[in-house]
Amino acid sequence: MTNETKFSVMVSLFEWIQKTKYPAKKRSKFRKFLDTFCKPDDYFSAIRLILPRLDRERGSYRLKESVLATCLVDALGMSRESTDAVRLFNWRKGGAKTGANAGNFSLVAFETAKPALQTTPNS
């Protein structure tokens, strides 16, 4: 979410959703909120903020960050010695090579995977 999103906007959204009976209307309003106040890159962060209980469910799958990092590296076809793979495996460590999001696995994984997942238009 943008840093400019006011708390009152969040409160209004939650109150409206709580009062509304129909799930389709709730989804529509939430989608409008995301489209208006969040950049596509921020959707995950917004959902983590709004639904923190669901963020903890990852633990029930018994997936640790190291396993997720290995799966991501393999899925993207990266060399395990590549700069991005090493950064992903060492996501907790700070320093010049790890970037500003060191310590936040989801953001490091996003930054690492984003270039590999972007498609280029055919010329």
PDB file of N, CA and C in Angstrom:
ATOM      1  N   MET A   1       0.847  -1.174   0.000  1.00  0.00           N
ATOM      2  CA  MET A   1       0.000   0.000   0.000  1.00  0.00           C
ATOM      3  C   MET A   1       0.887   1.230   0.000  1.00  0.00           C
ATOM      4  N   THR A   2       0.374   2.275  -0.556  1.00  0.00           N
ATOM      5  CA  THR A   2       1.158   3.493  -0.583  1.00  0.00           C
ATOM      6  C   THR A   2       1.253   4.080   0.813  1.00  0.00           C
ATOM      7  N   ASN A   3       2.320   4.825   1.055  1.00  0.00           N
ATOM      8  CA  ASN A   3       2.504   5.438   2.362  1.00  0.00           C
ATOM      9  C   ASN A   3       1.465   6.516   2.630  1.00  0.00           C
ATOM     10  N   GLU A   4       0.794   6.977   1.572  1.00  0.00           N
ATOM     11  CA  GLU A   4      -0.191   8.040   1.706  1.00  0.00           C
ATOM     12  C   GLU A   4      -1.582   7.515   2.059  1.00  0.00           C
ATOM     13  N   THR A   5      -1.791   6.203   2.055  1.00  0.00           N
ATOM     14  CA  THR A   5      -3.107   5.653   2.379  1.00  0.00           C
ATOM     15  C   THR A   5      -3.431   6.003   3.824  1.00  0.00           C
ATOM     16  N   LYS A   6      -4.556   6.668   4.000  1.00  0.00           N
ATOM     17  CA  LYS A   6      -4.931   7.117   5.331  1.00  0.00           C
ATOM     18  C   LYS A   6      -5.578   5.981   6.118  1.00  0.00           C
ATOM     19  N   PHE A   7      -5.368   6.019   7.410  1.00  0.00           N
ATOM     20  CA  PHE A   7      -5.972   5.031   8.296  1.00  0.00           C
ATOM     21  C   PHE A   7      -7.491   5.087   8.200  1.00  0.00           C
ATOM     22  N   SER A   8      -8.041   6.268   8.028  1.00  0.00           N
ATOM     23  CA  SER A   8      -9.499   6.416   7.941  1.00  0.00           C
ATOM     24  C   SER A   8     -10.065   5.671   6.727  1.00  0.00           C
ATOM     25  N   VAL A   9      -9.292   5.602   5.655  1.00  0.00           N
ATOM     26  CA  VAL A   9      -9.733   4.859   4.466  1.00  0.00           C
ATOM     27  C   VAL A   9      -9.814   3.373   4.795  1.00  0.00           C
ATOM     28  N   MET A  10      -8.816   2.866   5.506  1.00  0.00           N
ATOM     29  CA  MET A  10      -8.813   1.462   5.907  1.00  0.00           C
ATOM     30  C   MET A  10      -9.992   1.165   6.834  1.00  0.00           C
ATOM     31  N   VAL A  11     -10.236   2.045   7.786  1.00  0.00           N
ATOM     32  CA  VAL A  11     -11.341   1.856   8.727  1.00  0.00           C
ATOM     33  C   VAL A  11     -12.672   1.845   7.978  1.00  0.00           C
ATOM     34  N   SER A  12     -12.832   2.768   7.059  1.00  0.00           N
ATOM     35  CA  SER A  12     -14.071   2.819   6.278  1.00  0.00           C
ATOM     36  C   SER A  12     -14.270   1.539   5.478  1.00  0.00           C
ATOM     37  N   LEU A  13     -13.202   1.053   4.872  1.00  0.00           N
ATOM     38  CA  LEU A  13     -13.282  -0.197   4.116  1.00  0.00           C
ATOM     39  C   LEU A  13     -13.708  -1.345   5.015  1.00  0.00           C
ATOM     40  N   PHE A  14     -13.066  -1.486   6.172  1.00  0.00           N
ATOM     41  CA  PHE A  14     -13.391  -2.583   7.086  1.00  0.00           C
ATOM     42  C   PHE A  14     -14.824  -2.487   7.601  1.00  0.00           C
ATOM     43  N   GLU A  15     -15.255  -1.268   7.931  1.00  0.00           N
ATOM     44  CA  GLU A  15     -16.628  -1.105   8.414  1.00  0.00           C
ATOM     45  C   GLU A  15     -17.638  -1.462   7.331  1.00  0.00           C
ATOM     46  N   TRP A  16     -17.385  -1.014   6.112  1.00  0.00           N
ATOM     47  CA  TRP A  16     -18.295  -1.317   5.010  1.00  0.00           C
ATOM     48  C   TRP A  16     -18.363  -2.818   4.761  1.00  0.00           C
ATOM     49  N   ILE A  17     -17.211  -3.459   4.745  1.00  0.00           N
ATOM     50  CA  ILE A  17     -17.172  -4.907   4.511  1.00  0.00           C
ATOM     51  C   ILE A  17     -17.893  -5.649   5.634  1.00  0.00           C
ATOM     52  N   GLN A  18     -17.733  -5.192   6.854  1.00  0.00           N
ATOM     53  CA  GLN A  18     -18.380  -5.854   7.987  1.00  0.00           C
ATOM     54  C   GLN A  18     -19.902  -5.749   7.902  1.00  0.00           C
ATOM     55  N   LYS A  19     -20.411  -4.642   7.403  1.00  0.00           N
ATOM     56  CA  LYS A  19     -21.856  -4.427   7.326  1.00  0.00           C
ATOM     57  C   LYS A  19     -22.506  -5.083   6.103  1.00  0.00           C
ATOM     58  N   THR A  20     -21.723  -5.340   5.076  1.00  0.00           N
ATOM     59  CA  THR A  20     -22.270  -5.869   3.832  1.00  0.00           C
ATOM     60  C   THR A  20     -22.490  -7.376   3.942  1.00  0.00           C
ATOM     61  N   LYS A  21     -23.630  -7.829   3.433  1.00  0.00           N
ATOM     62  CA  LYS A  21     -23.987  -9.248   3.528  1.00  0.00           C
ATOM     63  C   LYS A  21     -23.447 -10.074   2.373  1.00  0.00           C
ATOM     64  N   TYR A  22     -23.354  -9.512   1.201  1.00  0.00           N
ATOM     65  CA  TYR A  22     -23.078 -10.286  -0.004  1.00  0.00           C
ATOM     66  C   TYR A  22     -21.581 -10.383  -0.302  1.00  0.00           C
ATOM     67  N   PRO A  23     -21.049 -11.609  -0.379  1.00  0.00           N
ATOM     68  CA  PRO A  23     -19.616 -11.794  -0.643  1.00  0.00           C
ATOM     69  C   PRO A  23     -19.159 -11.150  -1.953  1.00  0.00           C
ATOM     70  N   ALA A  24     -19.982 -11.177  -2.977  1.00  0.00           N
ATOM     71  CA  ALA A  24     -19.593 -10.586  -4.260  1.00  0.00           C
ATOM     72  C   ALA A  24     -19.361  -9.078  -4.118  1.00  0.00           C
ATOM     73  N   LYS A  25     -20.195  -8.419  -3.347  1.00  0.00           N
ATOM     74  CA  LYS A  25     -20.021  -6.983  -3.122  1.00  0.00           C
ATOM     75  C   LYS A  25     -18.758  -6.710  -2.304  1.00  0.00           C
ATOM     76  N   LYS A  26     -18.492  -7.576  -1.324  1.00  0.00           N
ATOM     77  CA  LYS A  26     -17.285  -7.430  -0.508  1.00  0.00           C
ATOM     78  C   LYS A  26     -16.037  -7.566  -1.384  1.00  0.00           C
ATOM     79  N   ARG A  27     -16.034  -8.584  -2.241  1.00  0.00           N
ATOM     80  CA  ARG A  27     -14.884  -8.783  -3.137  1.00  0.00           C
ATOM     81  C   ARG A  27     -14.703  -7.605  -4.073  1.00  0.00           C
ATOM     82  N   SER A  28     -15.802  -7.111  -4.600  1.00  0.00           N
ATOM     83  CA  SER A  28     -15.747  -5.979  -5.521  1.00  0.00           C
ATOM     84  C   SER A  28     -15.176  -4.739  -4.835  1.00  0.00           C
ATOM     85  N   LYS A  29     -15.632  -4.467  -3.633  1.00  0.00           N
ATOM     86  CA  LYS A  29     -15.147  -3.307  -2.878  1.00  0.00           C
ATOM     87  C   LYS A  29     -13.668  -3.463  -2.533  1.00  0.00           C
ATOM     88  N   PHE A  30     -13.274  -4.663  -2.133  1.00  0.00           N
ATOM     89  CA  PHE A  30     -11.870  -4.907  -1.799  1.00  0.00           C
ATOM     90  C   PHE A  30     -10.993  -4.749  -3.036  1.00  0.00           C
ATOM     91  N   ARG A  31     -11.454  -5.254  -4.163  1.00  0.00           N
ATOM     92  CA  ARG A  31     -10.697  -5.118  -5.415  1.00  0.00           C
ATOM     93  C   ARG A  31     -10.547  -3.646  -5.791  1.00  0.00           C
ATOM     94  N   LYS A  32     -11.625  -2.878  -5.614  1.00  0.00           N
ATOM     95  CA  LYS A  32     -11.567  -1.447  -5.903  1.00  0.00           C
ATOM     96  C   LYS A  32     -10.547  -0.757  -4.988  1.00  0.00           C
ATOM     97  N   PHE A  33     -10.523  -1.163  -3.721  1.00  0.00           N
ATOM     98  CA  PHE A  33      -9.543  -0.622  -2.783  1.00  0.00           C
ATOM     99  C   PHE A  33      -8.122  -0.912  -3.270  1.00  0.00           C
ATOM    100  N   LEU A  34      -7.865  -2.175  -3.645  1.00  0.00           N
ATOM    101  CA  LEU A  34      -6.524  -2.534  -4.130  1.00  0.00           C
ATOM    102  C   LEU A  34      -6.151  -1.727  -5.367  1.00  0.00           C
ATOM    103  N   ASP A  35      -7.082  -1.616  -6.299  1.00  0.00           N
ATOM    104  CA  ASP A  35      -6.806  -0.892  -7.544  1.00  0.00           C
ATOM    105  C   ASP A  35      -6.583   0.604  -7.310  1.00  0.00           C
ATOM    106  N   THR A  36      -7.264   1.158  -6.312  1.00  0.00           N
ATOM    107  CA  THR A  36      -7.172   2.587  -6.049  1.00  0.00           C
ATOM    108  C   THR A  36      -5.959   2.951  -5.191  1.00  0.00           C
ATOM    109  N   PHE A  37      -5.695   2.158  -4.160  1.00  0.00           N
ATOM    110  CA  PHE A  37      -4.689   2.550  -3.178  1.00  0.00           C
ATOM    111  C   PHE A  37      -3.405   1.723  -3.208  1.00  0.00           C
ATOM    112  N   CYS A  38      -3.343   0.683  -4.012  1.00  0.00           N
ATOM    113  CA  CYS A  38      -2.165  -0.185  -4.020  1.00  0.00           C
ATOM    114  C   CYS A  38      -1.625  -0.325  -5.433  1.00  0.00           C
ATOM    115  N   LYS A  39      -0.327  -0.348  -5.530  1.00  0.00           N
ATOM    116  CA  LYS A  39       0.311  -0.693  -6.798  1.00  0.00           C
ATOM    117  C   LYS A  39       0.285  -2.212  -6.897  1.00  0.00           C
ATOM    118  N   PRO A  40       0.282  -2.773  -8.119  1.00  0.00           N
ATOM    119  CA  PRO A  40       0.275  -4.239  -8.233  1.00  0.00           C
ATOM    120  C   PRO A  40       1.392  -4.916  -7.437  1.00  0.00           C
ATOM    121  N   ASP A  41       2.541  -4.272  -7.328  1.00  0.00           N
ATOM    122  CA  ASP A  41       3.651  -4.846  -6.562  1.00  0.00           C
ATOM    123  C   ASP A  41       3.355  -4.875  -5.067  1.00  0.00           C
ATOM    124  N   ASP A  42       2.372  -4.091  -4.613  1.00  0.00           N
ATOM    125  CA  ASP A  42       2.063  -3.988  -3.193  1.00  0.00           C
ATOM    126  C   ASP A  42       0.889  -4.854  -2.756  1.00  0.00           C
ATOM    127  N   TYR A  43       0.252  -5.576  -3.670  1.00  0.00           N
ATOM    128  CA  TYR A  43      -0.935  -6.359  -3.314  1.00  0.00           C
ATOM    129  C   TYR A  43      -0.637  -7.332  -2.180  1.00  0.00           C
ATOM    130  N   PHE A  44       0.485  -8.031  -2.278  1.00  0.00           N
ATOM    131  CA  PHE A  44       0.810  -9.022  -1.264  1.00  0.00           C
ATOM    132  C   PHE A  44       0.967  -8.364   0.107  1.00  0.00           C
ATOM    133  N   SER A  45       1.648  -7.233   0.151  1.00  0.00           N
ATOM    134  CA  SER A  45       1.832  -6.524   1.419  1.00  0.00           C
ATOM    135  C   SER A  45       0.498  -6.055   1.990  1.00  0.00           C
ATOM    136  N   ALA A  46      -0.392  -5.579   1.114  1.00  0.00           N
ATOM    137  CA  ALA A  46      -1.710  -5.122   1.583  1.00  0.00           C
ATOM    138  C   ALA A  46      -2.511  -6.283   2.150  1.00  0.00           C
ATOM    139  N   ILE A  47      -2.481  -7.403   1.483  1.00  0.00           N
ATOM    140  CA  ILE A  47      -3.246  -8.554   1.953  1.00  0.00           C
ATOM    141  C   ILE A  47      -2.657  -9.084   3.261  1.00  0.00           C
ATOM    142  N   ARG A  48      -1.339  -9.066   3.396  1.00  0.00           N
ATOM    143  CA  ARG A  48      -0.716  -9.480   4.661  1.00  0.00           C
ATOM    144  C   ARG A  48      -1.146  -8.573   5.798  1.00  0.00           C
ATOM    145  N   LEU A  49      -1.267  -7.278   5.523  1.00  0.00           N
ATOM    146  CA  LEU A  49      -1.688  -6.327   6.549  1.00  0.00           C
ATOM    147  C   LEU A  49      -3.148  -6.539   6.918  1.00  0.00           C
ATOM    148  N   ILE A  50      -3.984  -6.752   5.923  1.00  0.00           N
ATOM    149  CA  ILE A  50      -5.420  -6.866   6.148  1.00  0.00           C
ATOM    150  C   ILE A  50      -5.801  -8.223   6.732  1.00  0.00           C
ATOM    151  N   LEU A  51      -5.114  -9.277   6.332  1.00  0.00           N
ATOM    152  CA  LEU A  51      -5.436 -10.634   6.784  1.00  0.00           C
ATOM    153  C   LEU A  51      -4.221 -11.303   7.427  1.00  0.00           C
ATOM    154  N   PRO A  52      -3.720 -10.784   8.548  1.00  0.00           N
ATOM    155  CA  PRO A  52      -2.499 -11.341   9.131  1.00  0.00           C
ATOM    156  C   PRO A  52      -2.646 -12.800   9.563  1.00  0.00           C
ATOM    157  N   ARG A  53      -3.835 -13.202   9.908  1.00  0.00           N
ATOM    158  CA  ARG A  53      -4.052 -14.596  10.326  1.00  0.00           C
ATOM    159  C   ARG A  53      -3.686 -15.547   9.197  1.00  0.00           C
ATOM    160  N   LEU A  54      -4.011 -15.181   7.977  1.00  0.00           N
ATOM    161  CA  LEU A  54      -3.720 -16.047   6.836  1.00  0.00           C
ATOM    162  C   LEU A  54      -2.232 -16.105   6.520  1.00  0.00           C
ATOM    163  N   ASP A  55      -1.500 -15.055   6.878  1.00  0.00           N
ATOM    164  CA  ASP A  55      -0.065 -15.032   6.625  1.00  0.00           C
ATOM    165  C   ASP A  55       0.651 -16.093   7.459  1.00  0.00           C
ATOM    166  N   ARG A  56       0.121 -16.427   8.602  1.00  0.00           N
ATOM    167  CA  ARG A  56       0.739 -17.423   9.474  1.00  0.00           C
ATOM    168  C   ARG A  56       0.462 -18.851   9.038  1.00  0.00           C
ATOM    169  N   GLU A  57      -0.470 -19.047   8.111  1.00  0.00           N
ATOM    170  CA  GLU A  57      -0.822 -20.401   7.695  1.00  0.00           C
ATOM    171  C   GLU A  57       0.309 -21.102   6.945  1.00  0.00           C
ATOM    172  N   ARG A  58       1.261 -20.338   6.428  1.00  0.00           N
ATOM    173  CA  ARG A  58       2.361 -20.969   5.707  1.00  0.00           C
ATOM    174  C   ARG A  58       3.088 -21.966   6.592  1.00  0.00           C
ATOM    175  N   GLY A  59       3.174 -21.692   7.862  1.00  0.00           N
ATOM    176  CA  GLY A  59       3.850 -22.589   8.790  1.00  0.00           C
ATOM    177  C   GLY A  59       3.195 -23.957   8.864  1.00  0.00           C
ATOM    178  N   SER A  60       1.897 -24.025   8.661  1.00  0.00           N
ATOM    179  CA  SER A  60       1.208 -25.302   8.729  1.00  0.00           C
ATOM    180  C   SER A  60       1.582 -26.222   7.573  1.00  0.00           C
ATOM    181  N   TYR A  61       2.140 -25.659   6.520  1.00  0.00           N
ATOM    182  CA  TYR A  61       2.605 -26.484   5.406  1.00  0.00           C
ATOM    183  C   TYR A  61       4.014 -27.016   5.641  1.00  0.00           C
ATOM    184  N   ARG A  62       4.620 -26.613   6.735  1.00  0.00           N
ATOM    185  CA  ARG A  62       5.981 -27.009   7.100  1.00  0.00           C
ATOM    186  C   ARG A  62       7.004 -26.621   6.034  1.00  0.00           C
ATOM    187  N   LEU A  63       6.785 -25.463   5.451  1.00  0.00           N
ATOM    188  CA  LEU A  63       7.729 -24.932   4.473  1.00  0.00           C
ATOM    189  C   LEU A  63       8.555 -23.849   5.154  1.00  0.00           C
ATOM    190  N   LYS A  64       9.822 -24.018   5.115  1.00  0.00           N
ATOM    191  CA  LYS A  64      10.724 -23.017   5.659  1.00  0.00           C
ATOM    192  C   LYS A  64      11.265 -22.195   4.491  1.00  0.00           C
ATOM    193  N   GLU A  65      11.822 -21.047   4.821  1.00  0.00           N
ATOM    194  CA  GLU A  65      12.326 -20.166   3.780  1.00  0.00           C
ATOM    195  C   GLU A  65      13.403 -20.846   2.938  1.00  0.00           C
ATOM    196  N   SER A  66      14.238 -21.667   3.557  1.00  0.00           N
ATOM    197  CA  SER A  66      15.307 -22.317   2.792  1.00  0.00           C
ATOM    198  C   SER A  66      14.737 -23.270   1.743  1.00  0.00           C
ATOM    199  N   VAL A  67      13.662 -23.974   2.098  1.00  0.00           N
ATOM    200  CA  VAL A  67      13.021 -24.885   1.142  1.00  0.00           C
ATOM    201  C   VAL A  67      12.344 -24.084   0.046  1.00  0.00           C
ATOM    202  N   LEU A  68      11.669 -23.000   0.418  1.00  0.00           N
ATOM    203  CA  LEU A  68      11.026 -22.150  -0.571  1.00  0.00           C
ATOM    204  C   LEU A  68      12.061 -21.539  -1.517  1.00  0.00           C
ATOM    205  N   ALA A  69      13.193 -21.127  -0.976  1.00  0.00           N
ATOM    206  CA  ALA A  69      14.252 -20.546  -1.806  1.00  0.00           C
ATOM    207  C   ALA A  69      14.767 -21.584  -2.802  1.00  0.00           C
ATOM    208  N   THR A  70      14.997 -22.792  -2.343  1.00  0.00           N
ATOM    209  CA  THR A  70      15.467 -23.859  -3.231  1.00  0.00           C
ATOM    210  C   THR A  70      14.443 -24.139  -4.326  1.00  0.00           C
ATOM    211  N   CYS A  71      13.170 -24.212  -3.954  1.00  0.00           N
ATOM    212  CA  CYS A  71      12.109 -24.460  -4.937  1.00  0.00           C
ATOM    213  C   CYS A  71      12.039 -23.333  -5.959  1.00  0.00           C
ATOM    214  N   LEU A  72      12.157 -22.099  -5.497  1.00  0.00           N
ATOM    215  CA  LEU A  72      12.095 -20.950  -6.401  1.00  0.00           C
ATOM    216  C   LEU A  72      13.279 -20.936  -7.364  1.00  0.00           C
ATOM    217  N   VAL A  73      14.466 -21.201  -6.852  1.00  0.00           N
ATOM    218  CA  VAL A  73      15.662 -21.244  -7.700  1.00  0.00           C
ATOM    219  C   VAL A  73      15.518 -22.333  -8.760  1.00  0.00           C
ATOM    220  N   ASP A  74      15.054 -23.509  -8.349  1.00  0.00           N
ATOM    221  CA  ASP A  74      14.865 -24.607  -9.292  1.00  0.00           C
ATOM    222  C   ASP A  74      13.777 -24.292 -10.319  1.00  0.00           C
ATOM    223  N   ALA A  75      12.671 -23.720  -9.857  1.00  0.00           N
ATOM    224  CA  ALA A  75      11.556 -23.417 -10.753  1.00  0.00           C
ATOM    225  C   ALA A  75      11.929 -22.368 -11.796  1.00  0.00           C
ATOM    226  N   LEU A  76      12.780 -21.439 -11.421  1.00  0.00           N
ATOM    227  CA  LEU A  76      13.182 -20.375 -12.352  1.00  0.00           C
ATOM    228  C   LEU A  76      14.402 -20.761 -13.179  1.00  0.00           C
ATOM    229  N   GLY A  77      14.939 -21.944 -12.930  1.00  0.00           N
ATOM    230  CA  GLY A  77      16.087 -22.414 -13.706  1.00  0.00           C
ATOM    231  C   GLY A  77      17.358 -21.632 -13.444  1.00  0.00           C
ATOM    232  N   MET A  78      17.502 -21.117 -12.244  1.00  0.00           N
ATOM    233  CA  MET A  78      18.710 -20.358 -11.890  1.00  0.00           C
ATOM    234  C   MET A  78      19.822 -21.306 -11.479  1.00  0.00           C
ATOM    235  N   SER A  79      21.023 -20.880 -11.711  1.00  0.00           N
ATOM    236  CA  SER A  79      22.167 -21.592 -11.164  1.00  0.00           C
ATOM    237  C   SER A  79      22.189 -21.313  -9.665  1.00  0.00           C
ATOM    238  N   ARG A  80      22.494 -22.319  -8.864  1.00  0.00           N
ATOM    239  CA  ARG A  80      22.525 -22.109  -7.413  1.00  0.00           C
ATOM    240  C   ARG A  80      23.665 -21.196  -6.980  1.00  0.00           C
ATOM    241  N   GLU A  81      24.612 -20.953  -7.873  1.00  0.00           N
ATOM    242  CA  GLU A  81      25.724 -20.057  -7.573  1.00  0.00           C
ATOM    243  C   GLU A  81      25.498 -18.649  -8.116  1.00  0.00           C
ATOM    244  N   SER A  82      24.378 -18.423  -8.816  1.00  0.00           N
ATOM    245  CA  SER A  82      24.118 -17.099  -9.386  1.00  0.00           C
ATOM    246  C   SER A  82      23.913 -16.077  -8.273  1.00  0.00           C
ATOM    247  N   THR A  83      24.094 -14.806  -8.618  1.00  0.00           N
ATOM    248  CA  THR A  83      23.950 -13.722  -7.647  1.00  0.00           C
ATOM    249  C   THR A  83      22.563 -13.721  -7.019  1.00  0.00           C
ATOM    250  N   ASP A  84      21.517 -13.886  -7.850  1.00  0.00           N
ATOM    251  CA  ASP A  84      20.151 -13.873  -7.327  1.00  0.00           C
ATOM    252  C   ASP A  84      19.880 -15.068  -6.414  1.00  0.00           C
ATOM    253  N   ALA A  85      20.375 -16.235  -6.794  1.00  0.00           N
ATOM    254  CA  ALA A  85      20.158 -17.423  -5.971  1.00  0.00           C
ATOM    255  C   ALA A  85      20.865 -17.282  -4.621  1.00  0.00           C
ATOM    256  N   VAL A  86      22.085 -16.813  -4.641  1.00  0.00           N
ATOM    257  CA  VAL A  86      22.834 -16.627  -3.391  1.00  0.00           C
ATOM    258  C   VAL A  86      22.131 -15.593  -2.519  1.00  0.00           C
ATOM    259  N   ARG A  87      21.637 -14.541  -3.140  1.00  0.00           N
ATOM    260  CA  ARG A  87      20.898 -13.516  -2.385  1.00  0.00           C
ATOM    261  C   ARG A  87      19.639 -14.112  -1.750  1.00  0.00           C
ATOM    262  N   LEU A  88      18.960 -14.981  -2.479  1.00  0.00           N
ATOM    263  CA  LEU A  88      17.751 -15.615  -1.967  1.00  0.00           C
ATOM    264  C   LEU A  88      18.075 -16.575  -0.817  1.00  0.00           C
ATOM    265  N   PHE A  89      19.133 -17.353  -0.979  1.00  0.00           N
ATOM    266  CA  PHE A  89      19.525 -18.288   0.083  1.00  0.00           C
ATOM    267  C   PHE A  89      19.992 -17.546   1.343  1.00  0.00           C
ATOM    268  N   ASN A  90      20.578 -16.375   1.149  1.00  0.00           N
ATOM    269  CA  ASN A  90      21.099 -15.589   2.277  1.00  0.00           C
ATOM    270  C   ASN A  90      20.217 -14.385   2.574  1.00  0.00           C
ATOM    271  N   TRP A  91      18.922 -14.549   2.444  1.00  0.00           N
ATOM    272  CA  TRP A  91      17.969 -13.443   2.553  1.00  0.00           C
ATOM    273  C   TRP A  91      18.023 -12.718   3.897  1.00  0.00           C
ATOM    274  N   ARG A  92      18.465 -13.376   4.943  1.00  0.00           N
ATOM    275  CA  ARG A  92      18.505 -12.741   6.272  1.00  0.00           C
ATOM    276  C   ARG A  92      19.678 -11.787   6.433  1.00  0.00           C
ATOM    277  N   LYS A  93      20.737 -12.038   5.716  1.00  0.00           N
ATOM    278  CA  LYS A  93      21.964 -11.268   5.894  1.00  0.00           C
ATOM    279  C   LYS A  93      21.840  -9.904   5.238  1.00  0.00           C
ATOM    280  N   GLY A  94      22.330  -8.891   5.919  1.00  0.00           N
ATOM    281  CA  GLY A  94      22.356  -7.545   5.357  1.00  0.00           C
ATOM    282  C   GLY A  94      23.643  -7.312   4.602  1.00  0.00           C
ATOM    283  N   GLY A  95      23.803  -6.127   4.077  1.00  0.00           N
ATOM    284  CA  GLY A  95      25.019  -5.778   3.378  1.00  0.00           C
ATOM    285  C   GLY A  95      24.722  -5.249   1.992  1.00  0.00           C
ATOM    286  N   ALA A  96      25.779  -4.793   1.338  1.00  0.00           N
ATOM    287  CA  ALA A  96      25.622  -4.156   0.032  1.00  0.00           C
ATOM    288  C   ALA A  96      25.074  -5.102  -1.030  1.00  0.00           C
ATOM    289  N   LYS A  97      25.427  -6.380  -0.971  1.00  0.00           N
ATOM    290  CA  LYS A  97      25.005  -7.327  -2.002  1.00  0.00           C
ATOM    291  C   LYS A  97      23.579  -7.832  -1.822  1.00  0.00           C
ATOM    292  N   THR A  98      23.021  -7.707  -0.630  1.00  0.00           N
ATOM    293  CA  THR A  98      21.704  -8.277  -0.385  1.00  0.00           C
ATOM    294  C   THR A  98      20.563  -7.316  -0.660  1.00  0.00           C
ATOM    295  N   GLY A  99      20.823  -6.036  -0.719  1.00  0.00           N
ATOM    296  CA  GLY A  99      19.780  -5.074  -1.043  1.00  0.00           C
ATOM    297  C   GLY A  99      19.060  -4.545   0.179  1.00  0.00           C
ATOM    298  N   ALA A 100      18.133  -3.640  -0.075  1.00  0.00           N
ATOM    299  CA  ALA A 100      17.434  -2.939   1.003  1.00  0.00           C
ATOM    300  C   ALA A 100      16.449  -3.830   1.747  1.00  0.00           C
ATOM    301  N   ASN A 101      16.004  -4.913   1.129  1.00  0.00           N
ATOM    302  CA  ASN A 101      14.974  -5.749   1.751  1.00  0.00           C
ATOM    303  C   ASN A 101      15.522  -6.974   2.475  1.00  0.00           C
ATOM    304  N   ALA A 102      16.801  -6.969   2.780  1.00  0.00           N
ATOM    305  CA  ALA A 102      17.385  -8.084   3.530  1.00  0.00           C
ATOM    306  C   ALA A 102      16.613  -8.268   4.825  1.00  0.00           C
ATOM    307  N   GLY A 103      16.328  -9.520   5.155  1.00  0.00           N
ATOM    308  CA  GLY A 103      15.574  -9.818   6.358  1.00  0.00           C
ATOM    309  C   GLY A 103      14.096 -10.046   6.101  1.00  0.00           C
ATOM    310  N   ASN A 104      13.630  -9.730   4.898  1.00  0.00           N
ATOM    311  CA  ASN A 104      12.223  -9.934   4.539  1.00  0.00           C
ATOM    312  C   ASN A 104      12.185 -10.906   3.365  1.00  0.00           C
ATOM    313  N   PHE A 105      11.955 -12.178   3.668  1.00  0.00           N
ATOM    314  CA  PHE A 105      12.029 -13.212   2.637  1.00  0.00           C
ATOM    315  C   PHE A 105      11.081 -12.953   1.474  1.00  0.00           C
ATOM    316  N   SER A 106       9.843 -12.569   1.770  1.00  0.00           N
ATOM    317  CA  SER A 106       8.876 -12.394   0.686  1.00  0.00           C
ATOM    318  C   SER A 106       9.303 -11.300  -0.281  1.00  0.00           C
ATOM    319  N   LEU A 107       9.870 -10.208   0.209  1.00  0.00           N
ATOM    320  CA  LEU A 107      10.311  -9.134  -0.684  1.00  0.00           C
ATOM    321  C   LEU A 107      11.573  -9.524  -1.455  1.00  0.00           C
ATOM    322  N   VAL A 108      12.490 -10.215  -0.795  1.00  0.00           N
ATOM    323  CA  VAL A 108      13.692 -10.674  -1.496  1.00  0.00           C
ATOM    324  C   VAL A 108      13.307 -11.673  -2.588  1.00  0.00           C
ATOM    325  N   ALA A 109      12.372 -12.587  -2.277  1.00  0.00           N
ATOM    326  CA  ALA A 109      11.912 -13.562  -3.267  1.00  0.00           C
ATOM    327  C   ALA A 109      11.232 -12.854  -4.433  1.00  0.00           C
ATOM    328  N   PHE A 110      10.422 -11.851  -4.134  1.00  0.00           N
ATOM    329  CA  PHE A 110       9.742 -11.096  -5.185  1.00  0.00           C
ATOM    330  C   PHE A 110      10.755 -10.408  -6.087  1.00  0.00           C
ATOM    331  N   GLU A 111      11.734  -9.712  -5.480  1.00  0.00           N
ATOM    332  CA  GLU A 111      12.746  -9.002  -6.266  1.00  0.00           C
ATOM    333  C   GLU A 111      13.572  -9.968  -7.112  1.00  0.00           C
ATOM    334  N   THR A 112      13.828 -11.138  -6.577  1.00  0.00           N
ATOM    335  CA  THR A 112      14.627 -12.129  -7.287  1.00  0.00           C
ATOM    336  C   THR A 112      13.846 -12.749  -8.439  1.00  0.00           C
ATOM    337  N   ALA A 113      12.573 -13.028  -8.208  1.00  0.00           N
ATOM    338  CA  ALA A 113      11.757 -13.713  -9.215  1.00  0.00           C
ATOM    339  C   ALA A 113      11.209 -12.770 -10.274  1.00  0.00           C
ATOM    340  N   LYS A 114      10.991 -11.520  -9.937  1.00  0.00           N
ATOM    341  CA  LYS A 114      10.340 -10.582 -10.850  1.00  0.00           C
ATOM    342  C   LYS A 114      11.006 -10.506 -12.220  1.00  0.00           C
ATOM    343  N   PRO A 115      12.324 -10.325 -12.319  1.00  0.00           N
ATOM    344  CA  PRO A 115      12.932 -10.251 -13.651  1.00  0.00           C
ATOM    345  C   PRO A 115      12.762 -11.549 -14.449  1.00  0.00           C
ATOM    346  N   ALA A 116      12.807 -12.668 -13.775  1.00  0.00           N
ATOM    347  CA  ALA A 116      12.681 -13.950 -14.470  1.00  0.00           C
ATOM    348  C   ALA A 116      11.259 -14.200 -14.944  1.00  0.00           C
ATOM    349  N   LEU A 117      10.298 -13.613 -14.267  1.00  0.00           N
ATOM    350  CA  LEU A 117       8.894 -13.841 -14.614  1.00  0.00           C
ATOM    351  C   LEU A 117       8.345 -12.832 -15.613  1.00  0.00           C
ATOM    352  N   GLN A 118       9.030 -11.728 -15.794  1.00  0.00           N
ATOM    353  CA  GLN A 118       8.565 -10.731 -16.759  1.00  0.00           C
ATOM    354  C   GLN A 118       8.836 -11.227 -18.163  1.00  0.00           C
ATOM    355  N   THR A 119       7.855 -11.079 -18.992  1.00  0.00           N
ATOM    356  CA  THR A 119       8.028 -11.491 -20.377  1.00  0.00           C
ATOM    357  C   THR A 119       8.323 -10.278 -21.232  1.00  0.00           C
ATOM    358  N   THR A 120       9.124 -10.486 -22.241  1.00  0.00           N
ATOM    359  CA  THR A 120       9.430  -9.394 -23.149  1.00  0.00           C
ATOM    360  C   THR A 120       8.598  -9.564 -24.411  1.00  0.00           C
ATOM    361  N   PRO A 121       8.125  -8.461 -24.977  1.00  0.00           N
ATOM    362  CA  PRO A 121       7.327  -8.570 -26.192  1.00  0.00           C
ATOM    363  C   PRO A 121       8.151  -9.102 -27.356  1.00  0.00           C
ATOM    364  N   ASN A 122       7.524  -9.855 -28.211  1.00  0.00           N
ATOM    365  CA  ASN A 122       8.209 -10.374 -29.394  1.00  0.00           C
ATOM    366  C   ASN A 122       8.441  -9.260 -30.387  1.00  0.00           C
ATOM    367  N   SER A 123       9.615  -9.225 -30.960  1.00  0.00           N
ATOM    368  CA  SER A 123       9.930  -8.167 -31.930  1.00  0.00           C
ATOM    369  C   SER A 123       9.559  -8.627 -33.324  1.00  0.00           C
TER     370      SER A 123
END
